[in-house]
């Protein structure tokens, strides 16, 4: 599995703060996870997505954060990722990643095409 883009986009902070869009090179913006390591079983994550800003939750980013923290030796195989709208349990195995957590409807709408 290639997690290079998430490795480039992931920033470990000592404390969560506000964030503005992050530009690496002109006209190239990234999705970024700001991860605060609480302990070997818990990581607090905030996600900034290009085009929309701060998001309430991100399963893909949470999985990437769990894998990178695990591979770096910061966390165990199973870690709780705490997001603004709840927590996900991510388990890193030799055969893949297992994400467990709640799902909820966050938007409903209609449009004319």
N, C-alpha and C. Protein backbone atom coordinates (compact mmCIF):
# COMPACT_ATOMS: atom_id res chain seq x y z
N UNK A 1 0.84 -1.18 0.00
CA UNK A 1 0.00 0.00 0.00
C UNK A 1 0.88 1.24 0.00
N UNK A 2 0.47 2.23 -0.78
CA UNK A 2 1.27 3.44 -0.88
C UNK A 2 0.60 4.57 -0.11
N UNK A 3 1.20 4.97 1.00
CA UNK A 3 0.66 6.04 1.82
C UNK A 3 1.50 7.31 1.72
N UNK A 4 2.30 7.40 0.64
CA UNK A 4 3.23 8.52 0.50
C UNK A 4 2.51 9.86 0.50
N UNK A 5 1.39 9.98 -0.22
CA UNK A 5 0.70 11.27 -0.26
C UNK A 5 0.20 11.67 1.12
N UNK A 6 -0.26 10.69 1.91
CA UNK A 6 -0.70 11.02 3.26
C UNK A 6 0.48 11.33 4.17
N UNK A 7 1.61 10.67 3.94
CA UNK A 7 2.81 10.97 4.70
C UNK A 7 3.24 12.41 4.45
N UNK A 8 3.16 12.85 3.19
CA UNK A 8 3.52 14.22 2.86
C UNK A 8 2.53 15.22 3.46
N UNK A 9 1.26 14.80 3.56
CA UNK A 9 0.22 15.73 4.00
C UNK A 9 -0.04 15.71 5.49
N UNK A 10 0.53 14.77 6.22
CA UNK A 10 0.21 14.62 7.63
C UNK A 10 1.15 15.46 8.49
N UNK A 11 0.60 16.16 9.42
CA UNK A 11 1.38 17.02 10.31
C UNK A 11 1.03 16.66 11.75
N UNK A 12 2.05 16.39 12.57
CA UNK A 12 1.82 16.14 13.99
C UNK A 12 1.96 17.45 14.74
N UNK A 13 0.98 17.78 15.55
CA UNK A 13 0.99 19.02 16.32
C UNK A 13 0.94 18.71 17.81
N UNK A 14 1.52 19.58 18.59
CA UNK A 14 1.42 19.43 20.03
C UNK A 14 0.05 19.86 20.53
N UNK A 15 -0.57 20.79 19.84
CA UNK A 15 -1.91 21.24 20.22
C UNK A 15 -2.69 21.57 18.95
N UNK A 16 -3.99 21.35 18.98
CA UNK A 16 -4.82 21.68 17.83
C UNK A 16 -5.01 23.19 17.77
N UNK A 17 -4.98 23.70 16.57
CA UNK A 17 -5.19 25.13 16.39
C UNK A 17 -5.99 25.38 15.14
N UNK A 18 -6.18 26.62 14.80
CA UNK A 18 -6.91 26.93 13.58
C UNK A 18 -5.96 26.76 12.39
N UNK A 19 -6.53 26.61 11.23
CA UNK A 19 -5.73 26.32 10.04
C UNK A 19 -6.31 27.06 8.86
N UNK A 20 -5.46 27.54 8.01
CA UNK A 20 -5.90 28.07 6.73
C UNK A 20 -5.40 27.13 5.66
N UNK A 21 -5.85 27.31 4.44
CA UNK A 21 -5.45 26.39 3.38
C UNK A 21 -3.94 26.30 3.27
N UNK A 22 -3.45 25.12 3.00
CA UNK A 22 -2.02 24.88 2.94
C UNK A 22 -1.61 24.68 1.49
N UNK A 23 -0.70 25.49 1.01
CA UNK A 23 -0.23 25.36 -0.36
C UNK A 23 1.23 24.97 -0.33
N UNK A 24 1.55 23.82 -0.93
CA UNK A 24 2.92 23.33 -0.98
C UNK A 24 3.69 24.03 -2.10
N UNK A 25 3.13 24.05 -3.27
CA UNK A 25 3.66 24.80 -4.41
C UNK A 25 2.49 25.55 -5.01
N UNK A 26 2.72 26.60 -5.79
CA UNK A 26 1.60 27.35 -6.36
C UNK A 26 0.58 26.45 -7.05
N UNK A 27 -0.69 26.66 -6.75
CA UNK A 27 -1.82 25.95 -7.35
C UNK A 27 -1.87 24.46 -7.03
N UNK A 28 -1.24 24.02 -5.95
CA UNK A 28 -1.27 22.61 -5.57
C UNK A 28 -1.63 22.52 -4.10
N UNK A 29 -2.90 22.24 -3.82
CA UNK A 29 -3.35 22.15 -2.44
C UNK A 29 -3.61 20.69 -2.08
N UNK A 30 -3.50 20.36 -0.80
CA UNK A 30 -3.62 18.99 -0.33
C UNK A 30 -4.73 18.84 0.70
N UNK A 31 -5.19 17.61 0.86
CA UNK A 31 -5.98 17.24 2.03
C UNK A 31 -4.96 16.99 3.14
N UNK A 32 -5.19 17.55 4.30
CA UNK A 32 -4.21 17.42 5.38
C UNK A 32 -4.89 16.96 6.67
N UNK A 33 -4.27 16.01 7.33
CA UNK A 33 -4.71 15.58 8.65
C UNK A 33 -3.77 16.17 9.68
N UNK A 34 -4.35 16.83 10.67
CA UNK A 34 -3.58 17.32 11.80
C UNK A 34 -3.81 16.33 12.92
N UNK A 35 -2.78 15.62 13.32
CA UNK A 35 -2.91 14.54 14.29
C UNK A 35 -2.20 14.88 15.59
N UNK A 36 -2.91 14.71 16.69
CA UNK A 36 -2.35 14.93 18.01
C UNK A 36 -2.35 13.58 18.73
N UNK A 37 -1.18 13.03 18.95
CA UNK A 37 -1.04 11.74 19.61
C UNK A 37 -1.33 11.89 21.10
N UNK A 38 -2.42 11.25 21.55
CA UNK A 38 -2.81 11.31 22.96
C UNK A 38 -2.04 10.24 23.75
N UNK A 39 -2.09 9.01 23.28
CA UNK A 39 -1.33 7.90 23.86
C UNK A 39 -1.23 6.81 22.80
N UNK A 40 -0.72 5.62 23.16
CA UNK A 40 -0.51 4.57 22.16
C UNK A 40 -1.80 3.94 21.63
N UNK A 41 -2.94 4.34 22.21
CA UNK A 41 -4.23 3.81 21.76
C UNK A 41 -5.17 4.89 21.23
N UNK A 42 -4.75 6.17 21.27
CA UNK A 42 -5.66 7.26 20.93
C UNK A 42 -4.95 8.38 20.17
N UNK A 43 -5.58 8.81 19.07
CA UNK A 43 -5.08 9.94 18.29
C UNK A 43 -6.25 10.89 18.01
N UNK A 44 -6.04 12.16 18.25
CA UNK A 44 -7.04 13.19 17.98
C UNK A 44 -6.72 13.77 16.60
N UNK A 45 -7.70 13.78 15.68
CA UNK A 45 -7.45 14.19 14.30
C UNK A 45 -8.42 15.27 13.86
N UNK A 46 -7.90 16.25 13.15
CA UNK A 46 -8.71 17.24 12.44
C UNK A 46 -8.26 17.20 10.98
N UNK A 47 -9.23 17.34 10.08
CA UNK A 47 -8.93 17.23 8.64
C UNK A 47 -9.26 18.52 7.92
N UNK A 48 -8.37 18.93 7.05
CA UNK A 48 -8.56 20.09 6.18
C UNK A 48 -8.56 19.58 4.75
N UNK A 49 -9.65 19.79 4.02
CA UNK A 49 -9.75 19.29 2.64
C UNK A 49 -9.74 20.45 1.67
N UNK A 50 -8.96 20.29 0.62
CA UNK A 50 -8.88 21.35 -0.39
C UNK A 50 -10.28 21.59 -0.98
N UNK A 51 -10.58 22.82 -1.18
CA UNK A 51 -11.87 23.16 -1.78
C UNK A 51 -13.01 23.36 -0.81
N UNK A 52 -12.90 22.80 0.41
CA UNK A 52 -14.02 22.97 1.36
C UNK A 52 -13.55 23.35 2.76
N UNK A 53 -12.28 23.22 3.06
CA UNK A 53 -11.78 23.62 4.38
C UNK A 53 -11.88 22.51 5.41
N UNK A 54 -12.09 22.90 6.65
CA UNK A 54 -12.14 21.95 7.77
C UNK A 54 -13.37 21.06 7.63
N UNK A 55 -13.19 19.76 7.80
CA UNK A 55 -14.30 18.81 7.70
C UNK A 55 -14.57 18.18 9.06
N UNK A 56 -15.77 17.64 9.22
CA UNK A 56 -16.17 17.07 10.51
C UNK A 56 -15.58 15.70 10.77
N UNK A 57 -15.33 14.94 9.70
CA UNK A 57 -14.78 13.59 9.84
C UNK A 57 -14.24 13.14 8.49
N UNK A 58 -13.30 12.21 8.50
CA UNK A 58 -12.72 11.69 7.26
C UNK A 58 -12.21 10.28 7.50
N UNK A 59 -12.93 9.28 6.97
CA UNK A 59 -12.54 7.89 7.17
C UNK A 59 -11.23 7.54 6.49
N UNK A 60 -11.03 8.00 5.27
CA UNK A 60 -9.79 7.72 4.54
C UNK A 60 -8.59 8.31 5.27
N UNK A 61 -8.72 9.56 5.68
CA UNK A 61 -7.64 10.21 6.41
C UNK A 61 -7.39 9.57 7.76
N UNK A 62 -8.45 9.10 8.40
CA UNK A 62 -8.30 8.42 9.70
C UNK A 62 -7.53 7.12 9.54
N UNK A 63 -7.84 6.38 8.49
CA UNK A 63 -7.11 5.12 8.23
C UNK A 63 -5.65 5.40 7.93
N UNK A 64 -5.39 6.41 7.11
CA UNK A 64 -4.01 6.75 6.79
C UNK A 64 -3.25 7.19 8.04
N UNK A 65 -3.90 7.98 8.88
CA UNK A 65 -3.28 8.42 10.13
C UNK A 65 -2.95 7.22 11.02
N UNK A 66 -3.89 6.28 11.13
CA UNK A 66 -3.66 5.09 11.95
C UNK A 66 -2.49 4.27 11.43
N UNK A 67 -2.41 4.09 10.12
CA UNK A 67 -1.32 3.31 9.52
C UNK A 67 0.02 3.99 9.75
N UNK A 68 0.08 5.29 9.50
CA UNK A 68 1.35 6.00 9.67
C UNK A 68 1.80 6.03 11.12
N UNK A 69 0.87 6.26 12.05
CA UNK A 69 1.22 6.24 13.47
C UNK A 69 1.71 4.86 13.90
N UNK A 70 1.05 3.81 13.39
CA UNK A 70 1.44 2.44 13.71
C UNK A 70 2.82 2.11 13.14
N UNK A 71 3.04 2.45 11.88
CA UNK A 71 4.33 2.14 11.24
C UNK A 71 5.48 2.93 11.88
N UNK A 72 5.16 4.12 12.40
CA UNK A 72 6.19 4.92 13.08
C UNK A 72 6.43 4.45 14.51
N UNK A 73 5.61 3.49 15.00
CA UNK A 73 5.78 2.96 16.34
C UNK A 73 5.11 3.78 17.43
N UNK A 74 4.25 4.73 17.05
CA UNK A 74 3.58 5.58 18.04
C UNK A 74 2.36 4.90 18.65
N UNK A 75 1.69 4.03 17.88
CA UNK A 75 0.45 3.42 18.36
C UNK A 75 0.47 1.91 18.20
N UNK A 76 -0.49 1.27 18.85
CA UNK A 76 -0.65 -0.18 18.73
C UNK A 76 -1.40 -0.52 17.44
N UNK A 77 -1.68 -1.83 17.24
CA UNK A 77 -2.41 -2.27 16.04
C UNK A 77 -3.81 -1.67 15.97
N UNK A 78 -4.42 -1.47 17.12
CA UNK A 78 -5.78 -0.92 17.16
C UNK A 78 -5.73 0.44 17.85
N UNK A 79 -6.31 1.44 17.20
CA UNK A 79 -6.25 2.80 17.72
C UNK A 79 -7.60 3.50 17.55
N UNK A 80 -7.96 4.30 18.55
CA UNK A 80 -9.16 5.12 18.45
C UNK A 80 -8.76 6.46 17.82
N UNK A 81 -9.41 6.79 16.72
CA UNK A 81 -9.20 8.08 16.08
C UNK A 81 -10.37 8.96 16.48
N UNK A 82 -10.08 10.02 17.23
CA UNK A 82 -11.12 10.93 17.70
C UNK A 82 -11.27 12.09 16.72
N UNK A 83 -12.46 12.20 16.16
CA UNK A 83 -12.78 13.25 15.19
C UNK A 83 -13.78 14.22 15.81
N UNK A 84 -14.04 15.31 15.15
CA UNK A 84 -14.97 16.31 15.69
C UNK A 84 -16.36 15.74 15.91
N UNK A 85 -16.81 14.85 15.04
CA UNK A 85 -18.17 14.32 15.13
C UNK A 85 -18.25 12.91 15.72
N UNK A 86 -17.19 12.44 16.35
CA UNK A 86 -17.22 11.11 16.96
C UNK A 86 -15.89 10.41 16.77
N UNK A 87 -15.87 9.15 17.12
CA UNK A 87 -14.63 8.37 17.05
C UNK A 87 -14.77 7.18 16.12
N UNK A 88 -13.63 6.79 15.53
CA UNK A 88 -13.53 5.58 14.73
C UNK A 88 -12.50 4.67 15.37
N UNK A 89 -12.72 3.38 15.29
CA UNK A 89 -11.75 2.41 15.75
C UNK A 89 -11.08 1.84 14.50
N UNK A 90 -9.79 1.99 14.39
CA UNK A 90 -9.04 1.52 13.23
C UNK A 90 -8.08 0.43 13.67
N UNK A 91 -8.14 -0.72 12.99
CA UNK A 91 -7.22 -1.82 13.27
C UNK A 91 -6.34 -2.05 12.05
N UNK A 92 -5.03 -2.01 12.26
CA UNK A 92 -4.05 -2.23 11.20
C UNK A 92 -3.60 -3.68 11.27
N UNK A 93 -3.78 -4.41 10.17
CA UNK A 93 -3.38 -5.82 10.12
C UNK A 93 -2.40 -6.02 8.97
N UNK A 94 -1.81 -7.21 8.90
CA UNK A 94 -0.91 -7.53 7.79
C UNK A 94 -1.64 -7.58 6.46
N UNK A 95 -2.95 -7.84 6.50
CA UNK A 95 -3.71 -7.96 5.25
C UNK A 95 -4.52 -6.72 4.90
N UNK A 96 -4.50 -5.70 5.76
CA UNK A 96 -5.26 -4.49 5.45
C UNK A 96 -5.63 -3.68 6.67
N UNK A 97 -6.65 -2.86 6.48
CA UNK A 97 -7.10 -1.94 7.52
C UNK A 97 -8.59 -2.18 7.76
N UNK A 98 -8.99 -2.23 9.02
CA UNK A 98 -10.40 -2.40 9.36
C UNK A 98 -10.85 -1.17 10.13
N UNK A 99 -11.86 -0.47 9.59
CA UNK A 99 -12.41 0.72 10.22
C UNK A 99 -13.80 0.41 10.77
N UNK A 100 -14.02 0.74 12.02
CA UNK A 100 -15.32 0.51 12.65
C UNK A 100 -15.79 1.81 13.30
N UNK A 101 -17.05 2.14 13.08
CA UNK A 101 -17.59 3.34 13.68
C UNK A 101 -18.99 3.62 13.19
N UNK A 102 -19.62 4.66 13.73
CA UNK A 102 -20.99 4.99 13.36
C UNK A 102 -21.07 5.63 11.98
N UNK A 103 -22.24 5.54 11.39
CA UNK A 103 -22.53 6.24 10.13
C UNK A 103 -23.82 7.03 10.33
N UNK A 104 -23.86 8.22 9.77
CA UNK A 104 -25.06 9.05 9.93
C UNK A 104 -25.26 9.90 8.69
N UNK A 105 -26.49 10.18 8.37
CA UNK A 105 -26.83 11.06 7.27
C UNK A 105 -26.45 12.48 7.66
N UNK A 106 -25.65 13.13 6.82
CA UNK A 106 -25.24 14.50 7.15
C UNK A 106 -25.85 15.53 6.22
N UNK A 107 -26.44 15.09 5.11
CA UNK A 107 -27.02 16.04 4.16
C UNK A 107 -28.04 15.34 3.29
N UNK A 108 -29.08 16.06 2.95
CA UNK A 108 -30.07 15.55 2.01
C UNK A 108 -30.51 16.74 1.16
N UNK A 109 -30.64 16.54 -0.14
CA UNK A 109 -31.03 17.66 -1.00
C UNK A 109 -31.49 17.19 -2.36
N UNK A 110 -31.91 18.14 -3.16
CA UNK A 110 -32.36 17.86 -4.51
C UNK A 110 -31.79 18.91 -5.45
N UNK A 111 -31.68 18.54 -6.71
CA UNK A 111 -31.22 19.48 -7.72
C UNK A 111 -31.90 19.18 -9.04
N UNK A 112 -32.03 20.16 -9.87
CA UNK A 112 -32.56 19.98 -11.21
C UNK A 112 -31.40 19.93 -12.20
N UNK A 113 -31.40 18.93 -13.04
CA UNK A 113 -30.34 18.80 -14.05
C UNK A 113 -30.84 19.17 -15.41
